[in-house]
Amino acid sequence: MALYKSLHIVVGVDASIRNDSSGIVAVTKQGDRIVLVRNQKWQPSKKNPIDFEASLERYIRELNDQFTIKACYYDPYQFHRSAMTLAKDHIKMVEYPQTLDRLTQMSQNLYDLIIGRNLLLYPDKEVKAHAQKAIATETPGGWRIVKKQTSHKIDLIITLAIACQGAVNMKTGQREWIRTDVPDLLGENEENEDGWENVSGLH
């Protein structure tokens, strides 16, 4: 596994023991742009609930080994024990309860990044599928991401929004991310012509 400790990342976590999928998204900030670094989804069920220790916790530790995690944002509702465990490993865990005002704040931030063409994603089928099932609806407090249908899964987009909200507060000044320096960050994803996609909307 290649190491990129000079690359500072912010991690978002959306955890669910049953039914809803759980997701982790890691992003970095380059100037005014937010760049997707890694993402992972797990799909538990009523019969097969997720083992946080063997899945999400392990993945966060792998990210911390490979990169430098500046902060990991999570909702304490189902992830409190895991967060306390990870904090003992000196990973900075930041509580981010998914209250209505916070959901609106992170949705508005993601919407602004998209409209301003300041969000760069590598091609990923799971992220694309979740994005296609999400819409931005205007509320008195700002834009908010919601499902097109109640049965749809948009957990990776919610997790992306959490990570992006943390990243906008991240100080710049780290070494600029040069793609030729980290060619395998795309993993097994199929590259487009430029290697990255400018997201143009959750409309």
N, C-alpha and C. Protein backbone atom coordinates (compact mmCIF):
# COMPACT_ATOMS: atom_id res chain seq x y z
N MET A 1 0.84 -1.19 0.00
CA MET A 1 0.00 0.00 0.00
C MET A 1 0.88 1.25 0.00
N ALA A 2 0.66 2.11 -0.98
CA ALA A 2 1.44 3.34 -1.08
C ALA A 2 1.04 4.30 0.03
N LEU A 3 2.01 5.08 0.52
CA LEU A 3 1.75 6.02 1.59
C LEU A 3 1.84 7.45 1.05
N TYR A 4 0.87 8.28 1.45
CA TYR A 4 0.84 9.68 1.06
C TYR A 4 0.58 10.52 2.30
N LYS A 5 1.48 10.42 3.28
CA LYS A 5 1.26 11.08 4.56
C LYS A 5 1.25 12.60 4.43
N SER A 6 1.83 13.13 3.35
CA SER A 6 1.81 14.58 3.17
C SER A 6 0.45 15.08 2.68
N LEU A 7 -0.43 14.15 2.31
CA LEU A 7 -1.77 14.53 1.86
C LEU A 7 -2.72 14.54 3.06
N HIS A 8 -3.22 15.71 3.40
CA HIS A 8 -4.12 15.87 4.54
C HIS A 8 -5.56 15.65 4.08
N ILE A 9 -6.28 14.82 4.80
CA ILE A 9 -7.65 14.50 4.40
C ILE A 9 -8.62 14.74 5.55
N VAL A 10 -9.87 14.95 5.18
CA VAL A 10 -10.99 15.00 6.12
C VAL A 10 -11.91 13.84 5.79
N VAL A 11 -12.36 13.14 6.82
CA VAL A 11 -13.17 11.94 6.63
C VAL A 11 -14.58 12.18 7.16
N GLY A 12 -15.57 11.73 6.41
CA GLY A 12 -16.96 11.76 6.85
C GLY A 12 -17.46 10.34 7.04
N VAL A 13 -18.25 10.12 8.09
CA VAL A 13 -18.78 8.79 8.39
C VAL A 13 -20.29 8.86 8.55
N ASP A 14 -20.98 7.95 7.89
CA ASP A 14 -22.43 7.80 8.06
C ASP A 14 -22.66 6.33 8.40
N ALA A 15 -22.98 6.05 9.66
CA ALA A 15 -23.02 4.67 10.14
C ALA A 15 -24.43 4.21 10.44
N SER A 16 -24.74 2.98 10.02
CA SER A 16 -26.03 2.36 10.31
C SER A 16 -25.81 0.88 10.54
N ILE A 17 -26.36 0.36 11.63
CA ILE A 17 -26.17 -1.06 11.95
C ILE A 17 -27.02 -1.95 11.06
N ARG A 18 -28.25 -1.52 10.76
CA ARG A 18 -29.16 -2.33 9.95
C ARG A 18 -29.84 -1.46 8.88
N ASN A 19 -30.29 -2.14 7.83
CA ASN A 19 -31.10 -1.53 6.76
C ASN A 19 -30.34 -0.50 5.92
N ASP A 20 -30.16 0.73 6.43
CA ASP A 20 -29.46 1.75 5.65
C ASP A 20 -28.00 1.36 5.46
N SER A 21 -27.43 1.76 4.34
CA SER A 21 -26.02 1.49 4.11
C SER A 21 -25.17 2.42 4.96
N SER A 22 -23.96 1.99 5.24
CA SER A 22 -22.98 2.81 5.95
C SER A 22 -21.93 3.26 4.95
N GLY A 23 -21.43 4.46 5.14
CA GLY A 23 -20.45 4.96 4.19
C GLY A 23 -19.34 5.75 4.84
N ILE A 24 -18.19 5.74 4.19
CA ILE A 24 -17.06 6.58 4.59
C ILE A 24 -16.55 7.27 3.33
N VAL A 25 -16.35 8.57 3.43
CA VAL A 25 -15.81 9.36 2.33
C VAL A 25 -14.64 10.19 2.85
N ALA A 26 -13.54 10.16 2.12
CA ALA A 26 -12.37 10.98 2.46
C ALA A 26 -12.13 11.99 1.35
N VAL A 27 -11.92 13.24 1.73
CA VAL A 27 -11.67 14.30 0.76
C VAL A 27 -10.45 15.11 1.20
N THR A 28 -9.92 15.88 0.28
CA THR A 28 -8.86 16.83 0.60
C THR A 28 -9.21 18.17 -0.02
N LYS A 29 -8.56 19.22 0.45
CA LYS A 29 -8.83 20.56 -0.04
C LYS A 29 -7.62 21.07 -0.80
N GLN A 30 -7.87 21.53 -2.02
CA GLN A 30 -6.82 22.10 -2.86
C GLN A 30 -7.28 23.48 -3.31
N GLY A 31 -6.79 24.51 -2.64
CA GLY A 31 -7.27 25.86 -2.92
C GLY A 31 -8.74 25.97 -2.55
N ASP A 32 -9.57 26.37 -3.51
CA ASP A 32 -11.01 26.46 -3.27
C ASP A 32 -11.73 25.16 -3.60
N ARG A 33 -11.00 24.18 -4.09
CA ARG A 33 -11.63 22.93 -4.53
C ARG A 33 -11.54 21.84 -3.47
N ILE A 34 -12.59 21.02 -3.45
CA ILE A 34 -12.60 19.82 -2.63
C ILE A 34 -12.46 18.63 -3.57
N VAL A 35 -11.55 17.73 -3.25
CA VAL A 35 -11.24 16.59 -4.11
C VAL A 35 -11.53 15.29 -3.38
N LEU A 36 -12.28 14.40 -4.02
CA LEU A 36 -12.56 13.09 -3.45
C LEU A 36 -11.29 12.24 -3.49
N VAL A 37 -10.95 11.65 -2.35
CA VAL A 37 -9.75 10.82 -2.24
C VAL A 37 -10.10 9.33 -2.18
N ARG A 38 -11.06 9.00 -1.32
CA ARG A 38 -11.47 7.60 -1.15
C ARG A 38 -12.94 7.55 -0.76
N ASN A 39 -13.59 6.44 -1.06
CA ASN A 39 -14.93 6.21 -0.53
C ASN A 39 -15.18 4.71 -0.42
N GLN A 40 -16.04 4.35 0.53
CA GLN A 40 -16.37 2.94 0.73
C GLN A 40 -17.79 2.84 1.29
N LYS A 41 -18.54 1.85 0.82
CA LYS A 41 -19.91 1.64 1.29
C LYS A 41 -20.07 0.21 1.80
N TRP A 42 -20.88 0.06 2.85
CA TRP A 42 -21.25 -1.26 3.37
C TRP A 42 -22.76 -1.33 3.44
N GLN A 43 -23.33 -2.50 3.09
CA GLN A 43 -24.78 -2.66 3.11
C GLN A 43 -25.17 -3.75 4.10
N PRO A 44 -25.57 -3.37 5.32
CA PRO A 44 -26.03 -4.36 6.29
C PRO A 44 -27.48 -4.75 6.03
N SER A 45 -27.98 -5.68 6.81
CA SER A 45 -29.39 -6.09 6.72
C SER A 45 -29.86 -6.46 8.12
N LYS A 46 -31.16 -6.71 8.26
CA LYS A 46 -31.69 -7.10 9.56
C LYS A 46 -31.07 -8.41 10.04
N LYS A 47 -30.85 -9.33 9.10
CA LYS A 47 -30.26 -10.62 9.46
C LYS A 47 -28.75 -10.54 9.62
N ASN A 48 -28.13 -9.61 8.94
CA ASN A 48 -26.67 -9.48 8.98
C ASN A 48 -26.27 -8.03 9.29
N PRO A 49 -26.41 -7.63 10.57
CA PRO A 49 -26.01 -6.27 10.94
C PRO A 49 -24.51 -6.09 10.77
N ILE A 50 -24.12 -4.86 10.58
CA ILE A 50 -22.71 -4.56 10.31
C ILE A 50 -21.87 -4.65 11.58
N ASP A 51 -20.66 -5.12 11.43
CA ASP A 51 -19.67 -5.14 12.50
C ASP A 51 -18.78 -3.92 12.30
N PHE A 52 -19.03 -2.88 13.08
CA PHE A 52 -18.28 -1.63 12.91
C PHE A 52 -16.78 -1.82 13.07
N GLU A 53 -16.39 -2.66 14.01
CA GLU A 53 -14.96 -2.85 14.28
C GLU A 53 -14.24 -3.45 13.08
N ALA A 54 -14.89 -4.41 12.43
CA ALA A 54 -14.26 -5.10 11.30
C ALA A 54 -14.41 -4.35 9.98
N SER A 55 -15.26 -3.34 9.95
CA SER A 55 -15.51 -2.64 8.69
C SER A 55 -15.11 -1.16 8.78
N LEU A 56 -15.95 -0.34 9.36
CA LEU A 56 -15.70 1.10 9.36
C LEU A 56 -14.44 1.47 10.15
N GLU A 57 -14.30 0.91 11.34
CA GLU A 57 -13.13 1.24 12.15
C GLU A 57 -11.84 0.82 11.44
N ARG A 58 -11.86 -0.38 10.89
CA ARG A 58 -10.68 -0.88 10.18
C ARG A 58 -10.34 0.02 8.99
N TYR A 59 -11.36 0.45 8.25
CA TYR A 59 -11.14 1.28 7.07
C TYR A 59 -10.56 2.65 7.46
N ILE A 60 -11.07 3.22 8.54
CA ILE A 60 -10.56 4.52 9.01
C ILE A 60 -9.10 4.39 9.43
N ARG A 61 -8.76 3.30 10.08
CA ARG A 61 -7.36 3.08 10.46
C ARG A 61 -6.47 2.94 9.22
N GLU A 62 -6.98 2.28 8.20
CA GLU A 62 -6.21 2.15 6.95
C GLU A 62 -5.99 3.52 6.31
N LEU A 63 -7.02 4.36 6.33
CA LEU A 63 -6.87 5.71 5.80
C LEU A 63 -5.83 6.49 6.60
N ASN A 64 -5.87 6.32 7.91
CA ASN A 64 -4.93 7.03 8.77
C ASN A 64 -3.50 6.55 8.57
N ASP A 65 -3.34 5.28 8.23
CA ASP A 65 -2.01 4.75 7.95
C ASP A 65 -1.47 5.28 6.62
N GLN A 66 -2.38 5.48 5.66
CA GLN A 66 -1.95 5.86 4.32
C GLN A 66 -1.82 7.37 4.15
N PHE A 67 -2.74 8.12 4.77
CA PHE A 67 -2.77 9.57 4.65
C PHE A 67 -2.62 10.20 6.04
N THR A 68 -2.83 11.49 6.13
CA THR A 68 -2.89 12.18 7.42
C THR A 68 -4.31 12.69 7.62
N ILE A 69 -5.03 12.07 8.54
CA ILE A 69 -6.41 12.48 8.81
C ILE A 69 -6.38 13.71 9.72
N LYS A 70 -6.87 14.82 9.20
CA LYS A 70 -6.95 16.04 10.00
C LYS A 70 -8.16 16.01 10.93
N ALA A 71 -9.24 15.38 10.47
CA ALA A 71 -10.44 15.25 11.30
C ALA A 71 -11.35 14.21 10.68
N CYS A 72 -12.05 13.49 11.54
CA CYS A 72 -13.03 12.49 11.10
C CYS A 72 -14.37 12.87 11.72
N TYR A 73 -15.32 13.28 10.88
CA TYR A 73 -16.63 13.75 11.33
C TYR A 73 -17.62 12.59 11.35
N TYR A 74 -18.39 12.49 12.43
CA TYR A 74 -19.31 11.37 12.59
C TYR A 74 -20.53 11.79 13.41
N ASP A 75 -21.63 11.08 13.21
CA ASP A 75 -22.82 11.25 14.03
C ASP A 75 -22.70 10.28 15.20
N PRO A 76 -22.73 10.78 16.44
CA PRO A 76 -22.52 9.90 17.60
C PRO A 76 -23.66 8.93 17.87
N TYR A 77 -24.78 9.07 17.16
CA TYR A 77 -25.96 8.26 17.45
C TYR A 77 -25.64 6.77 17.49
N GLN A 78 -24.96 6.25 16.47
CA GLN A 78 -24.62 4.83 16.44
C GLN A 78 -23.11 4.58 16.40
N PHE A 79 -22.33 5.65 16.36
CA PHE A 79 -20.89 5.48 16.17
C PHE A 79 -20.07 5.97 17.36
N HIS A 80 -20.71 6.21 18.49
CA HIS A 80 -20.01 6.78 19.64
C HIS A 80 -18.91 5.86 20.15
N ARG A 81 -19.23 4.58 20.36
CA ARG A 81 -18.23 3.65 20.90
C ARG A 81 -17.04 3.54 19.95
N SER A 82 -17.34 3.42 18.65
CA SER A 82 -16.27 3.32 17.66
C SER A 82 -15.40 4.57 17.67
N ALA A 83 -16.04 5.72 17.79
CA ALA A 83 -15.29 6.98 17.79
C ALA A 83 -14.35 7.07 18.98
N MET A 84 -14.83 6.63 20.15
CA MET A 84 -13.99 6.64 21.34
C MET A 84 -12.80 5.71 21.18
N THR A 85 -13.03 4.57 20.54
CA THR A 85 -11.95 3.61 20.30
C THR A 85 -10.92 4.20 19.34
N LEU A 86 -11.38 4.82 18.27
CA LEU A 86 -10.47 5.41 17.28
C LEU A 86 -9.71 6.60 17.87
N ALA A 87 -10.36 7.35 18.74
CA ALA A 87 -9.71 8.50 19.38
C ALA A 87 -8.52 8.05 20.22
N LYS A 88 -8.62 6.85 20.80
CA LYS A 88 -7.51 6.31 21.58
C LYS A 88 -6.30 6.02 20.71
N ASP A 89 -6.54 5.86 19.40
CA ASP A 89 -5.44 5.67 18.45
C ASP A 89 -4.94 7.00 17.89
N HIS A 90 -5.34 8.09 18.55
CA HIS A 90 -4.90 9.45 18.20
C HIS A 90 -5.44 9.92 16.85
N ILE A 91 -6.62 9.42 16.49
CA ILE A 91 -7.33 9.92 15.32
C ILE A 91 -8.32 10.99 15.81
N LYS A 92 -8.26 12.17 15.22
CA LYS A 92 -9.12 13.26 15.68
C LYS A 92 -10.56 13.01 15.24
N MET A 93 -11.41 12.68 16.20
CA MET A 93 -12.82 12.41 15.93
C MET A 93 -13.65 13.64 16.32
N VAL A 94 -14.51 14.07 15.41
CA VAL A 94 -15.33 15.27 15.63
C VAL A 94 -16.80 14.90 15.53
N GLU A 95 -17.54 15.13 16.61
CA GLU A 95 -18.98 14.84 16.60
C GLU A 95 -19.69 15.78 15.63
N TYR A 96 -20.56 15.21 14.81
CA TYR A 96 -21.35 16.01 13.87
C TYR A 96 -22.75 15.39 13.79
N PRO A 97 -23.57 15.64 14.81
CA PRO A 97 -24.93 15.08 14.82
C PRO A 97 -25.72 15.56 13.61
N GLN A 98 -26.48 14.67 13.01
CA GLN A 98 -27.25 15.02 11.81
C GLN A 98 -28.58 15.66 12.20
N THR A 99 -28.47 16.82 12.84
CA THR A 99 -29.65 17.60 13.17
C THR A 99 -30.13 18.34 11.93
N LEU A 100 -31.33 18.88 11.99
CA LEU A 100 -31.91 19.55 10.82
C LEU A 100 -31.05 20.72 10.37
N ASP A 101 -30.57 21.52 11.32
CA ASP A 101 -29.76 22.68 10.92
C ASP A 101 -28.43 22.26 10.32
N ARG A 102 -27.83 21.19 10.84
CA ARG A 102 -26.56 20.71 10.29
C ARG A 102 -26.76 20.08 8.91
N LEU A 103 -27.85 19.33 8.76
CA LEU A 103 -28.15 18.74 7.46
C LEU A 103 -28.32 19.82 6.40
N THR A 104 -28.98 20.90 6.78
CA THR A 104 -29.16 22.03 5.86
C THR A 104 -27.83 22.70 5.56
N GLN A 105 -27.02 22.89 6.59
CA GLN A 105 -25.71 23.54 6.42
C GLN A 105 -24.81 22.76 5.48
N MET A 106 -24.71 21.44 5.70
CA MET A 106 -23.80 20.65 4.86
C MET A 106 -24.36 20.47 3.46
N SER A 107 -25.69 20.42 3.34
CA SER A 107 -26.31 20.33 2.01
C SER A 107 -26.07 21.60 1.21
N GLN A 108 -26.24 22.75 1.87
CA GLN A 108 -26.01 24.04 1.20
C GLN A 108 -24.55 24.16 0.77
N ASN A 109 -23.64 23.71 1.63
CA ASN A 109 -22.22 23.76 1.30
C ASN A 109 -21.90 22.89 0.08
N LEU A 110 -22.45 21.67 0.07
CA LEU A 110 -22.21 20.77 -1.07
C LEU A 110 -22.81 21.36 -2.34
N TYR A 111 -24.01 21.91 -2.23
CA TYR A 111 -24.67 22.54 -3.39
C TYR A 111 -23.81 23.68 -3.93
N ASP A 112 -23.28 24.52 -3.04
CA ASP A 112 -22.44 25.64 -3.46
C ASP A 112 -21.17 25.15 -4.15
N LEU A 113 -20.57 24.08 -3.63
CA LEU A 113 -19.37 23.52 -4.26
C LEU A 113 -19.68 23.02 -5.67
N ILE A 114 -20.83 22.38 -5.81
CA ILE A 114 -21.21 21.83 -7.12
C ILE A 114 -21.50 22.95 -8.11
N ILE A 115 -22.31 23.92 -7.70
CA ILE A 115 -22.66 25.03 -8.58
C ILE A 115 -21.41 25.82 -8.97
N GLY A 116 -20.48 25.96 -8.04
CA GLY A 116 -19.25 26.68 -8.31
C GLY A 116 -18.19 25.85 -9.01
N ARG A 117 -18.54 24.60 -9.34
CA ARG A 117 -17.62 23.66 -9.99
C ARG A 117 -16.33 23.50 -9.20
N ASN A 118 -16.50 23.41 -7.90
CA ASN A 118 -15.35 23.28 -7.00
C ASN A 118 -15.32 21.93 -6.29
N LEU A 119 -16.02 20.94 -6.85
CA LEU A 119 -15.99 19.59 -6.30
C LEU A 119 -15.51 18.64 -7.39
N LEU A 120 -14.41 17.97 -7.14
CA LEU A 120 -13.83 17.04 -8.10
C LEU A 120 -13.95 15.61 -7.58
N LEU A 121 -14.56 14.75 -8.38
CA LEU A 121 -14.74 13.35 -8.03
C LEU A 121 -14.08 12.46 -9.07
N TYR A 122 -13.49 11.36 -8.64
CA TYR A 122 -13.05 10.36 -9.61
C TYR A 122 -14.27 9.53 -10.00
N PRO A 123 -14.28 8.92 -11.17
CA PRO A 123 -15.43 8.12 -11.60
C PRO A 123 -15.67 6.95 -10.65
N ASP A 124 -16.88 6.84 -10.11
CA ASP A 124 -17.21 5.78 -9.17
C ASP A 124 -18.69 5.44 -9.32
N LYS A 125 -19.00 4.17 -9.58
CA LYS A 125 -20.37 3.76 -9.84
C LYS A 125 -21.28 3.95 -8.64
N GLU A 126 -20.77 3.66 -7.43
CA GLU A 126 -21.60 3.78 -6.23
C GLU A 126 -21.95 5.24 -5.95
N VAL A 127 -20.96 6.11 -6.02
CA VAL A 127 -21.21 7.54 -5.78
C VAL A 127 -22.18 8.08 -6.82
N LYS A 128 -21.98 7.69 -8.08
CA LYS A 128 -22.86 8.15 -9.15
C LYS A 128 -24.29 7.68 -8.93
N ALA A 129 -24.45 6.41 -8.52
CA ALA A 129 -25.79 5.86 -8.29
C ALA A 129 -26.51 6.60 -7.17
N HIS A 130 -25.79 6.91 -6.09
CA HIS A 130 -26.40 7.63 -4.98
C HIS A 130 -26.72 9.07 -5.38
N ALA A 131 -25.84 9.68 -6.18
CA ALA A 131 -26.07 11.06 -6.62
C ALA A 131 -27.31 11.15 -7.51
N GLN A 132 -27.52 10.13 -8.35
CA GLN A 132 -28.66 10.14 -9.26
C GLN A 132 -29.99 9.99 -8.52
N LYS A 133 -29.93 9.52 -7.27
CA LYS A 133 -31.15 9.33 -6.48
C LYS A 133 -31.36 10.46 -5.47
N ALA A 134 -30.51 11.48 -5.55
CA ALA A 134 -30.60 12.61 -4.64
C ALA A 134 -31.00 13.87 -5.39
N ILE A 135 -31.75 14.72 -4.72
CA ILE A 135 -32.11 16.02 -5.29
C ILE A 135 -31.88 17.09 -4.23
N ALA A 136 -31.71 18.32 -4.68
CA ALA A 136 -31.56 19.45 -3.78
C ALA A 136 -32.90 20.18 -3.73
N THR A 137 -33.44 20.31 -2.53
CA THR A 137 -34.70 21.02 -2.37
C THR A 137 -34.47 22.26 -1.52
N GLU A 138 -35.09 23.37 -1.90
CA GLU A 138 -34.88 24.63 -1.20
C GLU A 138 -35.77 24.72 0.03
N THR A 139 -35.17 25.10 1.16
CA THR A 139 -35.89 25.29 2.41
C THR A 139 -35.64 26.71 2.88
N PRO A 140 -36.38 27.19 3.88
CA PRO A 140 -36.13 28.54 4.40
C PRO A 140 -34.69 28.75 4.88
N GLY A 141 -34.04 27.66 5.30
CA GLY A 141 -32.67 27.78 5.80
C GLY A 141 -31.61 27.56 4.74
N GLY A 142 -32.02 27.21 3.53
CA GLY A 142 -31.07 26.93 2.46
C GLY A 142 -31.40 25.64 1.75
N TRP A 143 -30.50 25.21 0.88
CA TRP A 143 -30.71 23.97 0.13
C TRP A 143 -30.46 22.76 1.01
N ARG A 144 -31.24 21.70 0.78
CA ARG A 144 -31.06 20.47 1.54
C ARG A 144 -31.16 19.27 0.61
N ILE A 145 -30.27 18.29 0.82
CA ILE A 145 -30.26 17.07 0.00
C ILE A 145 -31.31 16.10 0.53
N VAL A 146 -32.15 15.61 -0.37
CA VAL A 146 -33.17 14.63 0.00
C VAL A 146 -33.22 13.53 -1.05
N LYS A 147 -33.87 12.42 -0.70
CA LYS A 147 -34.05 11.31 -1.63
C LYS A 147 -35.14 11.64 -2.65
N LYS A 148 -34.96 11.18 -3.88
CA LYS A 148 -36.02 11.32 -4.86
C LYS A 148 -37.22 10.48 -4.46
N GLN A 149 -36.96 9.29 -3.94
CA GLN A 149 -37.99 8.40 -3.43
C GLN A 149 -37.54 7.88 -2.08
N THR A 150 -38.50 7.57 -1.20
CA THR A 150 -38.14 7.14 0.15
C THR A 150 -37.33 5.86 0.17
N SER A 151 -37.48 5.02 -0.84
CA SER A 151 -36.75 3.75 -0.89
C SER A 151 -35.31 3.91 -1.39
N HIS A 152 -34.98 5.07 -1.91
CA HIS A 152 -33.65 5.27 -2.49
C HIS A 152 -32.56 5.37 -1.42
N LYS A 153 -31.36 4.99 -1.81
CA LYS A 153 -30.19 5.10 -0.94
C LYS A 153 -29.32 6.26 -1.43
N ILE A 154 -29.05 7.21 -0.53
CA ILE A 154 -28.19 8.34 -0.89
C ILE A 154 -27.11 8.55 0.18
N ASP A 155 -26.81 7.47 0.91
CA ASP A 155 -25.91 7.58 2.06
C ASP A 155 -24.52 8.11 1.69
N LEU A 156 -24.00 7.71 0.53
CA LEU A 156 -22.67 8.19 0.14
C LEU A 156 -22.67 9.69 -0.15
N ILE A 157 -23.79 10.21 -0.64
CA ILE A 157 -23.87 11.65 -0.89
C ILE A 157 -23.96 12.41 0.43
N ILE A 158 -24.71 11.86 1.39
CA ILE A 158 -24.76 12.47 2.72
C ILE A 158 -23.38 12.46 3.36
N THR A 159 -22.68 11.33 3.22
CA THR A 159 -21.34 11.22 3.79
C THR A 159 -20.38 12.18 3.10
N LEU A 160 -20.51 12.31 1.79
CA LEU A 160 -19.70 13.27 1.04
C LEU A 160 -19.95 14.69 1.54
N ALA A 161 -21.21 15.01 1.80
CA ALA A 161 -21.56 16.34 2.30
C ALA A 161 -20.95 16.59 3.67
N ILE A 162 -20.94 15.57 4.52
CA ILE A 162 -20.33 15.70 5.85
C ILE A 162 -18.83 15.99 5.71
N ALA A 163 -18.16 15.20 4.87
CA ALA A 163 -16.72 15.37 4.68
C ALA A 163 -16.40 16.74 4.09
N CYS A 164 -17.19 17.18 3.12
CA CYS A 164 -16.96 18.48 2.49
C CYS A 164 -17.16 19.62 3.47
N GLN A 165 -18.14 19.48 4.37
CA GLN A 165 -18.37 20.51 5.37
C GLN A 165 -17.15 20.66 6.27
N GLY A 166 -16.55 19.52 6.63
CA GLY A 166 -15.33 19.58 7.44
C GLY A 166 -14.16 20.14 6.66
N ALA A 167 -14.10 19.81 5.38
CA ALA A 167 -12.95 20.21 4.55
C ALA A 167 -12.91 21.71 4.26
N VAL A 168 -14.07 22.35 4.20
CA VAL A 168 -14.07 23.79 3.89
C VAL A 168 -13.39 24.59 4.99
N ASN A 169 -13.30 24.01 6.17
CA ASN A 169 -12.63 24.69 7.28
C ASN A 169 -11.16 24.28 7.39
N MET A 170 -10.72 23.43 6.47
CA MET A 170 -9.36 22.90 6.52
C MET A 170 -8.39 23.93 5.95
N LYS A 171 -7.31 24.18 6.67
CA LYS A 171 -6.32 25.15 6.22
C LYS A 171 -5.58 24.63 5.00
N THR A 172 -5.38 25.52 4.03
CA THR A 172 -4.57 25.17 2.87
C THR A 172 -3.11 25.46 3.19
N GLY A 173 -2.24 25.15 2.25
CA GLY A 173 -0.83 25.40 2.46
C GLY A 173 -0.02 24.12 2.44
N GLN A 174 -0.71 22.97 2.42
CA GLN A 174 0.01 21.71 2.28
C GLN A 174 0.53 21.60 0.85
N ARG A 175 1.39 20.63 0.62
CA ARG A 175 1.92 20.43 -0.73
C ARG A 175 0.76 20.18 -1.69
N GLU A 176 0.78 20.87 -2.82
CA GLU A 176 -0.29 20.69 -3.79
C GLU A 176 -0.32 19.25 -4.29
N TRP A 177 -1.49 18.75 -4.51
CA TRP A 177 -1.68 17.38 -4.95
C TRP A 177 -1.46 17.30 -6.45
N ILE A 178 -0.37 16.68 -6.84
CA ILE A 178 -0.06 16.50 -8.25
C ILE A 178 -0.42 15.08 -8.63
N ARG A 179 -1.29 14.90 -9.60
CA ARG A 179 -1.80 13.56 -9.91
C ARG A 179 -0.70 12.58 -10.28
N THR A 180 0.35 13.03 -10.94
CA THR A 180 1.41 12.10 -11.32
C THR A 180 2.16 11.60 -10.10
N ASP A 181 2.01 12.29 -8.97
CA ASP A 181 2.67 11.86 -7.74
C ASP A 181 1.88 10.78 -7.02
N VAL A 182 0.58 10.70 -7.30
CA VAL A 182 -0.27 9.71 -6.65
C VAL A 182 -1.17 9.04 -7.68
N PRO A 183 -0.60 8.33 -8.66
CA PRO A 183 -1.38 7.82 -9.78
C PRO A 183 -2.39 6.75 -9.41
N ASP A 184 -2.17 6.00 -8.31
CA ASP A 184 -3.07 4.90 -8.01
C ASP A 184 -4.20 5.29 -7.08
N LEU A 185 -4.37 6.60 -6.80
CA LEU A 185 -5.49 7.02 -5.97
C LEU A 185 -6.82 6.73 -6.64
N LEU A 186 -6.81 6.56 -7.95
CA LEU A 186 -8.04 6.22 -8.65
C LEU A 186 -8.41 4.77 -8.45
N GLY A 187 -7.49 3.97 -7.90
CA GLY A 187 -7.78 2.57 -7.65
C GLY A 187 -8.16 1.85 -8.92
N GLU A 188 -9.26 1.11 -8.88
CA GLU A 188 -9.71 0.35 -10.03
C GLU A 188 -10.79 1.08 -10.81
N ASN A 189 -11.04 2.34 -10.45
CA ASN A 189 -12.07 3.10 -11.15
C ASN A 189 -11.61 3.46 -12.55
N GLU A 190 -12.55 3.48 -13.46
CA GLU A 190 -12.25 3.83 -14.84
C GLU A 190 -12.07 5.33 -14.97
N GLU A 191 -10.95 5.76 -15.51
CA GLU A 191 -10.68 7.19 -15.67
C GLU A 191 -11.44 7.76 -16.86
N ASN A 192 -11.85 9.01 -16.74
CA ASN A 192 -12.33 9.71 -17.91
C ASN A 192 -11.13 10.38 -18.56
N GLU A 193 -11.36 11.21 -19.54
CA GLU A 193 -10.25 11.80 -20.30
C GLU A 193 -9.28 12.56 -19.42
N ASP A 194 -9.80 13.28 -18.44
CA ASP A 194 -8.94 14.08 -17.58
C ASP A 194 -8.60 13.39 -16.28
N GLY A 195 -9.20 12.24 -16.03
CA GLY A 195 -8.93 11.54 -14.79
C GLY A 195 -9.86 11.94 -13.66
N TRP A 196 -10.51 13.11 -13.77
CA TRP A 196 -11.39 13.60 -12.73
C TRP A 196 -12.68 14.12 -13.37
N GLU A 197 -13.70 14.18 -12.56
CA GLU A 197 -14.98 14.70 -13.04
C GLU A 197 -15.36 15.93 -12.23
N ASN A 198 -15.70 17.00 -12.91
CA ASN A 198 -16.31 18.15 -12.27
C ASN A 198 -17.79 17.85 -12.13
N VAL A 199 -18.28 17.85 -10.91
CA VAL A 199 -19.70 17.57 -10.70
C VAL A 199 -20.49 18.82 -11.05
N SER A 200 -21.49 18.66 -11.88
CA SER A 200 -22.21 19.84 -12.36
C SER A 200 -23.60 19.98 -11.76
N GLY A 201 -24.03 19.07 -10.90
CA GLY A 201 -25.32 19.32 -10.28
C GLY A 201 -25.95 18.17 -9.56
N LEU A 202 -26.71 18.50 -8.54
CA LEU A 202 -27.66 17.60 -7.88
C LEU A 202 -28.99 18.31 -8.04
N HIS A 203 -29.51 18.31 -9.24
CA HIS A 203 -30.70 19.14 -9.53
C HIS A 203 -31.93 18.25 -9.61
